[in-house]
Amino acid sequence: GGGDGDYVAWAAKAMARWSDFEATYGTFYPHVSIGWDNTHRNPSFGADHVVANATPGAFEACLWKAKAWLDSRPQQPPLLTINSWNEWTEGSYLLPDMRWGYRYLQAVRNVFGRQ
């Protein structure tokens, strides 16, 4: 967990490390997060540990980059992890809500749904 600001900048920094992880550990499976805000559980963390400005569109853009990563490595299983289904108190969940409706789930379908 943890964050350090804007979702798009945070995600770009994380994705830039994928090649380093692959070089260090061998096979690497990308991870895409929906965001992060654990201040509900740990108020002492403060705003400097929050990933803000996450949107379904920004999340979908990250999923497309993860798919491109996987597609460029046909020798490995196309496995991706997503944080998270229901981490409501950490501001990281795919479940539909009143703000975004089904848009996060639709982003997953847009990228990985059957064509």
N, C-alpha and C. Protein backbone atom coordinates (compact mmCIF):
# COMPACT_ATOMS: atom_id res chain seq x y z
N GLY A 1 0.81 -1.18 0.00
CA GLY A 1 0.00 0.00 0.00
C GLY A 1 0.84 1.24 0.00
N GLY A 2 0.22 2.29 0.32
CA GLY A 2 0.90 3.57 0.38
C GLY A 2 0.84 4.27 -0.96
N GLY A 3 0.99 5.52 -0.94
CA GLY A 3 0.94 6.28 -2.17
C GLY A 3 1.77 7.52 -2.06
N ASP A 4 1.73 8.31 -3.07
CA ASP A 4 2.47 9.56 -3.02
C ASP A 4 1.95 10.54 -4.04
N GLY A 5 0.63 10.71 -4.09
CA GLY A 5 0.12 11.77 -4.94
C GLY A 5 -0.84 11.34 -6.00
N ASP A 6 -0.67 11.92 -7.16
CA ASP A 6 -1.58 11.75 -8.27
C ASP A 6 -1.55 10.33 -8.84
N TYR A 7 -2.73 9.77 -9.11
CA TYR A 7 -2.85 8.40 -9.60
C TYR A 7 -2.05 8.16 -10.88
N VAL A 8 -2.18 9.04 -11.86
CA VAL A 8 -1.51 8.83 -13.15
C VAL A 8 0.00 8.84 -12.97
N ALA A 9 0.53 9.78 -12.20
CA ALA A 9 1.98 9.84 -11.96
C ALA A 9 2.44 8.62 -11.16
N TRP A 10 1.67 8.26 -10.15
CA TRP A 10 2.00 7.10 -9.32
C TRP A 10 2.01 5.82 -10.16
N ALA A 11 1.00 5.65 -11.01
CA ALA A 11 0.91 4.45 -11.85
C ALA A 11 2.07 4.41 -12.85
N ALA A 12 2.40 5.54 -13.45
CA ALA A 12 3.50 5.59 -14.41
C ALA A 12 4.81 5.19 -13.74
N LYS A 13 5.02 5.66 -12.53
CA LYS A 13 6.24 5.32 -11.80
C LYS A 13 6.28 3.82 -11.50
N ALA A 14 5.15 3.26 -11.10
CA ALA A 14 5.08 1.82 -10.81
C ALA A 14 5.32 1.00 -12.08
N MET A 15 4.67 1.37 -13.18
CA MET A 15 4.81 0.61 -14.42
C MET A 15 6.23 0.72 -14.98
N ALA A 16 6.90 1.82 -14.75
CA ALA A 16 8.28 1.98 -15.22
C ALA A 16 9.22 0.98 -14.55
N ARG A 17 8.81 0.43 -13.43
CA ARG A 17 9.65 -0.53 -12.70
C ARG A 17 9.40 -1.98 -13.12
N TRP A 18 8.39 -2.23 -13.94
CA TRP A 18 8.08 -3.60 -14.33
C TRP A 18 9.28 -4.30 -14.96
N SER A 19 9.99 -3.63 -15.84
CA SER A 19 11.16 -4.25 -16.49
C SER A 19 12.25 -4.56 -15.47
N ASP A 20 12.43 -3.68 -14.49
CA ASP A 20 13.41 -3.94 -13.43
C ASP A 20 13.02 -5.18 -12.64
N PHE A 21 11.74 -5.30 -12.31
CA PHE A 21 11.27 -6.47 -11.58
C PHE A 21 11.50 -7.74 -12.39
N GLU A 22 11.22 -7.66 -13.68
CA GLU A 22 11.41 -8.82 -14.55
C GLU A 22 12.89 -9.20 -14.62
N ALA A 23 13.77 -8.21 -14.74
CA ALA A 23 15.20 -8.48 -14.81
C ALA A 23 15.72 -9.08 -13.50
N THR A 24 15.17 -8.63 -12.39
CA THR A 24 15.63 -9.10 -11.08
C THR A 24 15.07 -10.47 -10.72
N TYR A 25 13.78 -10.67 -10.98
CA TYR A 25 13.10 -11.87 -10.48
C TYR A 25 12.72 -12.88 -11.55
N GLY A 26 12.93 -12.55 -12.81
CA GLY A 26 12.50 -13.44 -13.88
C GLY A 26 11.09 -13.08 -14.30
N THR A 27 10.25 -14.07 -14.45
CA THR A 27 8.87 -13.81 -14.86
C THR A 27 8.21 -12.82 -13.92
N PHE A 28 7.58 -11.82 -14.50
CA PHE A 28 6.88 -10.81 -13.71
C PHE A 28 5.46 -10.67 -14.22
N TYR A 29 4.53 -10.65 -13.30
CA TYR A 29 3.12 -10.46 -13.64
C TYR A 29 2.72 -9.06 -13.19
N PRO A 30 2.23 -8.24 -14.10
CA PRO A 30 1.91 -6.86 -13.73
C PRO A 30 0.75 -6.76 -12.74
N HIS A 31 0.75 -5.68 -12.02
CA HIS A 31 -0.27 -5.38 -11.03
C HIS A 31 -0.82 -3.99 -11.33
N VAL A 32 -2.13 -3.86 -11.29
CA VAL A 32 -2.77 -2.56 -11.48
C VAL A 32 -3.66 -2.30 -10.28
N SER A 33 -3.54 -1.12 -9.73
CA SER A 33 -4.33 -0.73 -8.57
C SER A 33 -5.37 0.31 -8.97
N ILE A 34 -6.39 0.39 -8.18
CA ILE A 34 -7.45 1.36 -8.42
C ILE A 34 -7.17 2.67 -7.68
N GLY A 35 -6.24 2.64 -6.77
CA GLY A 35 -5.91 3.82 -5.97
C GLY A 35 -5.58 3.39 -4.56
N TRP A 36 -5.40 4.36 -3.67
CA TRP A 36 -5.04 4.02 -2.30
C TRP A 36 -5.32 5.20 -1.39
N ASP A 37 -6.03 4.93 -0.32
CA ASP A 37 -6.25 5.92 0.74
C ASP A 37 -6.56 5.16 2.01
N ASN A 38 -5.55 4.94 2.81
CA ASN A 38 -5.69 4.17 4.04
C ASN A 38 -5.85 5.07 5.27
N THR A 39 -6.13 6.35 5.05
CA THR A 39 -6.23 7.28 6.18
C THR A 39 -7.45 7.00 7.05
N HIS A 40 -8.44 6.29 6.54
CA HIS A 40 -9.60 5.93 7.37
C HIS A 40 -9.18 5.01 8.51
N ARG A 41 -8.27 4.11 8.22
CA ARG A 41 -7.76 3.19 9.24
C ARG A 41 -6.60 3.78 10.02
N ASN A 42 -5.78 4.54 9.33
CA ASN A 42 -4.55 5.08 9.92
C ASN A 42 -4.46 6.58 9.67
N PRO A 43 -5.21 7.38 10.42
CA PRO A 43 -5.21 8.83 10.19
C PRO A 43 -3.82 9.46 10.29
N SER A 44 -2.92 8.83 11.01
CA SER A 44 -1.57 9.39 11.15
C SER A 44 -0.79 9.36 9.84
N PHE A 45 -1.22 8.56 8.87
CA PHE A 45 -0.51 8.50 7.59
C PHE A 45 -0.58 9.84 6.87
N GLY A 46 -1.71 10.50 6.92
CA GLY A 46 -1.86 11.80 6.28
C GLY A 46 -1.93 11.72 4.76
N ALA A 47 -2.08 12.88 4.16
CA ALA A 47 -2.28 12.98 2.71
C ALA A 47 -1.09 12.51 1.90
N ASP A 48 0.11 12.50 2.48
CA ASP A 48 1.27 12.07 1.71
C ASP A 48 1.29 10.57 1.44
N HIS A 49 0.34 9.83 2.00
CA HIS A 49 0.22 8.40 1.74
C HIS A 49 -1.06 8.07 0.96
N VAL A 50 -1.59 9.05 0.26
CA VAL A 50 -2.82 8.86 -0.50
C VAL A 50 -2.52 8.98 -1.99
N VAL A 51 -3.07 8.05 -2.76
CA VAL A 51 -3.02 8.15 -4.22
C VAL A 51 -4.37 8.74 -4.63
N ALA A 52 -4.35 9.97 -5.09
CA ALA A 52 -5.57 10.72 -5.38
C ALA A 52 -5.83 10.79 -6.88
N ASN A 53 -7.01 11.25 -7.22
CA ASN A 53 -7.41 11.53 -8.61
C ASN A 53 -7.54 10.28 -9.47
N ALA A 54 -7.80 9.15 -8.85
CA ALA A 54 -8.04 7.93 -9.63
C ALA A 54 -9.42 8.03 -10.28
N THR A 55 -9.49 7.60 -11.52
CA THR A 55 -10.76 7.56 -12.25
C THR A 55 -10.84 6.24 -13.02
N PRO A 56 -12.03 5.82 -13.39
CA PRO A 56 -12.13 4.62 -14.21
C PRO A 56 -11.35 4.74 -15.53
N GLY A 57 -11.31 5.92 -16.12
CA GLY A 57 -10.57 6.11 -17.37
C GLY A 57 -9.07 5.94 -17.18
N ALA A 58 -8.53 6.49 -16.10
CA ALA A 58 -7.10 6.34 -15.82
C ALA A 58 -6.77 4.88 -15.51
N PHE A 59 -7.65 4.23 -14.76
CA PHE A 59 -7.48 2.81 -14.45
C PHE A 59 -7.49 1.99 -15.74
N GLU A 60 -8.42 2.28 -16.64
CA GLU A 60 -8.48 1.54 -17.90
C GLU A 60 -7.21 1.75 -18.72
N ALA A 61 -6.67 2.96 -18.73
CA ALA A 61 -5.42 3.21 -19.45
C ALA A 61 -4.29 2.34 -18.89
N CYS A 62 -4.26 2.17 -17.59
CA CYS A 62 -3.25 1.31 -16.97
C CYS A 62 -3.48 -0.15 -17.35
N LEU A 63 -4.73 -0.56 -17.41
CA LEU A 63 -5.03 -1.93 -17.83
C LEU A 63 -4.56 -2.19 -19.26
N TRP A 64 -4.74 -1.22 -20.15
CA TRP A 64 -4.27 -1.38 -21.53
C TRP A 64 -2.76 -1.55 -21.56
N LYS A 65 -2.04 -0.81 -20.73
CA LYS A 65 -0.58 -0.95 -20.67
C LYS A 65 -0.19 -2.31 -20.13
N ALA A 66 -0.92 -2.79 -19.14
CA ALA A 66 -0.65 -4.12 -18.59
C ALA A 66 -0.92 -5.19 -19.64
N LYS A 67 -1.99 -5.03 -20.40
CA LYS A 67 -2.31 -6.00 -21.45
C LYS A 67 -1.22 -6.01 -22.51
N ALA A 68 -0.72 -4.83 -22.89
CA ALA A 68 0.37 -4.76 -23.87
C ALA A 68 1.61 -5.48 -23.34
N TRP A 69 1.89 -5.31 -22.05
CA TRP A 69 3.02 -6.00 -21.42
C TRP A 69 2.84 -7.51 -21.55
N LEU A 70 1.66 -7.98 -21.19
CA LEU A 70 1.39 -9.42 -21.26
C LEU A 70 1.43 -9.93 -22.69
N ASP A 71 0.84 -9.19 -23.61
CA ASP A 71 0.81 -9.61 -25.01
C ASP A 71 2.21 -9.69 -25.61
N SER A 72 3.14 -8.89 -25.09
CA SER A 72 4.51 -8.91 -25.62
C SER A 72 5.35 -10.04 -25.02
N ARG A 73 4.74 -10.83 -24.16
CA ARG A 73 5.42 -11.96 -23.52
C ARG A 73 4.58 -13.23 -23.67
N PRO A 74 4.42 -13.71 -24.89
CA PRO A 74 3.54 -14.86 -25.11
C PRO A 74 4.04 -16.15 -24.46
N GLN A 75 5.30 -16.18 -24.03
CA GLN A 75 5.86 -17.38 -23.40
C GLN A 75 5.38 -17.56 -21.96
N GLN A 76 4.75 -16.55 -21.38
CA GLN A 76 4.30 -16.68 -20.00
C GLN A 76 2.78 -16.59 -19.93
N PRO A 77 2.20 -17.17 -18.90
CA PRO A 77 0.74 -17.07 -18.75
C PRO A 77 0.30 -15.61 -18.64
N PRO A 78 -0.82 -15.25 -19.24
CA PRO A 78 -1.29 -13.86 -19.21
C PRO A 78 -1.99 -13.53 -17.89
N LEU A 79 -1.21 -13.44 -16.83
CA LEU A 79 -1.75 -13.21 -15.50
C LEU A 79 -1.53 -11.77 -15.07
N LEU A 80 -2.57 -11.17 -14.54
CA LEU A 80 -2.55 -9.80 -14.05
C LEU A 80 -3.24 -9.79 -12.69
N THR A 81 -2.72 -9.02 -11.75
CA THR A 81 -3.42 -8.84 -10.49
C THR A 81 -3.97 -7.42 -10.42
N ILE A 82 -5.11 -7.29 -9.75
CA ILE A 82 -5.75 -5.99 -9.58
C ILE A 82 -6.05 -5.81 -8.09
N ASN A 83 -5.72 -4.66 -7.57
CA ASN A 83 -6.08 -4.31 -6.20
C ASN A 83 -7.25 -3.34 -6.29
N SER A 84 -8.37 -3.66 -5.90
CA SER A 84 -8.85 -4.80 -5.18
C SER A 84 -10.35 -4.89 -5.41
N TRP A 85 -10.94 -6.00 -5.06
CA TRP A 85 -12.38 -6.18 -5.23
C TRP A 85 -13.17 -5.32 -4.24
N ASN A 86 -12.76 -5.32 -2.96
CA ASN A 86 -13.62 -4.67 -1.96
C ASN A 86 -12.86 -3.99 -0.82
N GLU A 87 -11.76 -3.36 -1.09
CA GLU A 87 -11.02 -2.64 -0.05
C GLU A 87 -11.60 -1.24 0.13
N TRP A 88 -12.82 -1.19 0.62
CA TRP A 88 -13.53 0.08 0.78
C TRP A 88 -12.76 1.04 1.68
N THR A 89 -12.22 0.55 2.78
CA THR A 89 -11.54 1.45 3.72
C THR A 89 -10.17 1.89 3.22
N GLU A 90 -9.71 1.32 2.13
CA GLU A 90 -8.45 1.75 1.54
C GLU A 90 -8.68 2.48 0.22
N GLY A 91 -9.94 2.75 -0.11
CA GLY A 91 -10.24 3.48 -1.33
C GLY A 91 -9.82 2.74 -2.59
N SER A 92 -9.84 1.41 -2.54
CA SER A 92 -9.37 0.61 -3.66
C SER A 92 -10.32 -0.56 -3.86
N TYR A 93 -11.31 -0.37 -4.73
CA TYR A 93 -12.30 -1.44 -4.92
C TYR A 93 -12.91 -1.37 -6.31
N LEU A 94 -13.21 -2.56 -6.84
CA LEU A 94 -13.89 -2.69 -8.13
C LEU A 94 -15.41 -2.69 -8.00
N LEU A 95 -15.89 -3.01 -6.82
CA LEU A 95 -17.34 -3.09 -6.63
C LEU A 95 -18.04 -1.81 -7.08
N PRO A 96 -19.21 -1.93 -7.67
CA PRO A 96 -19.96 -0.73 -8.06
C PRO A 96 -20.27 0.15 -6.85
N ASP A 97 -20.28 1.45 -7.06
CA ASP A 97 -20.64 2.38 -6.00
C ASP A 97 -21.51 3.50 -6.56
N MET A 98 -21.89 4.41 -5.71
CA MET A 98 -22.77 5.50 -6.13
C MET A 98 -22.05 6.53 -7.01
N ARG A 99 -20.74 6.67 -6.85
CA ARG A 99 -20.00 7.67 -7.62
C ARG A 99 -19.73 7.21 -9.05
N TRP A 100 -19.15 6.02 -9.20
CA TRP A 100 -18.70 5.56 -10.51
C TRP A 100 -19.59 4.47 -11.11
N GLY A 101 -20.56 3.98 -10.35
CA GLY A 101 -21.39 2.90 -10.87
C GLY A 101 -20.55 1.67 -11.19
N TYR A 102 -20.72 1.14 -12.39
CA TYR A 102 -20.01 -0.06 -12.83
C TYR A 102 -18.77 0.27 -13.67
N ARG A 103 -18.36 1.52 -13.70
CA ARG A 103 -17.32 1.93 -14.65
C ARG A 103 -15.97 1.25 -14.44
N TYR A 104 -15.60 0.93 -13.21
CA TYR A 104 -14.33 0.21 -13.01
C TYR A 104 -14.44 -1.21 -13.56
N LEU A 105 -15.55 -1.87 -13.33
CA LEU A 105 -15.75 -3.21 -13.89
C LEU A 105 -15.84 -3.15 -15.41
N GLN A 106 -16.47 -2.12 -15.94
CA GLN A 106 -16.55 -1.96 -17.38
C GLN A 106 -15.16 -1.74 -17.99
N ALA A 107 -14.28 -1.07 -17.26
CA ALA A 107 -12.91 -0.87 -17.74
C ALA A 107 -12.20 -2.22 -17.90
N VAL A 108 -12.39 -3.10 -16.93
CA VAL A 108 -11.79 -4.44 -17.03
C VAL A 108 -12.36 -5.17 -18.24
N ARG A 109 -13.67 -5.10 -18.41
CA ARG A 109 -14.31 -5.75 -19.56
C ARG A 109 -13.82 -5.14 -20.88
N ASN A 110 -13.68 -3.82 -20.92
CA ASN A 110 -13.22 -3.17 -22.15
C ASN A 110 -11.86 -3.68 -22.60
N VAL A 111 -11.00 -3.96 -21.65
CA VAL A 111 -9.63 -4.38 -21.97
C VAL A 111 -9.52 -5.89 -22.13
N PHE A 112 -10.15 -6.64 -21.24
CA PHE A 112 -9.93 -8.09 -21.21
C PHE A 112 -11.15 -8.92 -21.61
N GLY A 113 -12.27 -8.26 -21.91
CA GLY A 113 -13.46 -9.00 -22.32
C GLY A 113 -13.26 -9.68 -23.65
N ARG A 114 -14.08 -10.66 -23.90
CA ARG A 114 -13.99 -11.38 -25.18
C ARG A 114 -14.30 -10.44 -26.33
N GLN A 115 -13.52 -10.58 -27.37
CA GLN A 115 -13.68 -9.72 -28.56
C GLN A 115 -14.57 -10.39 -29.57
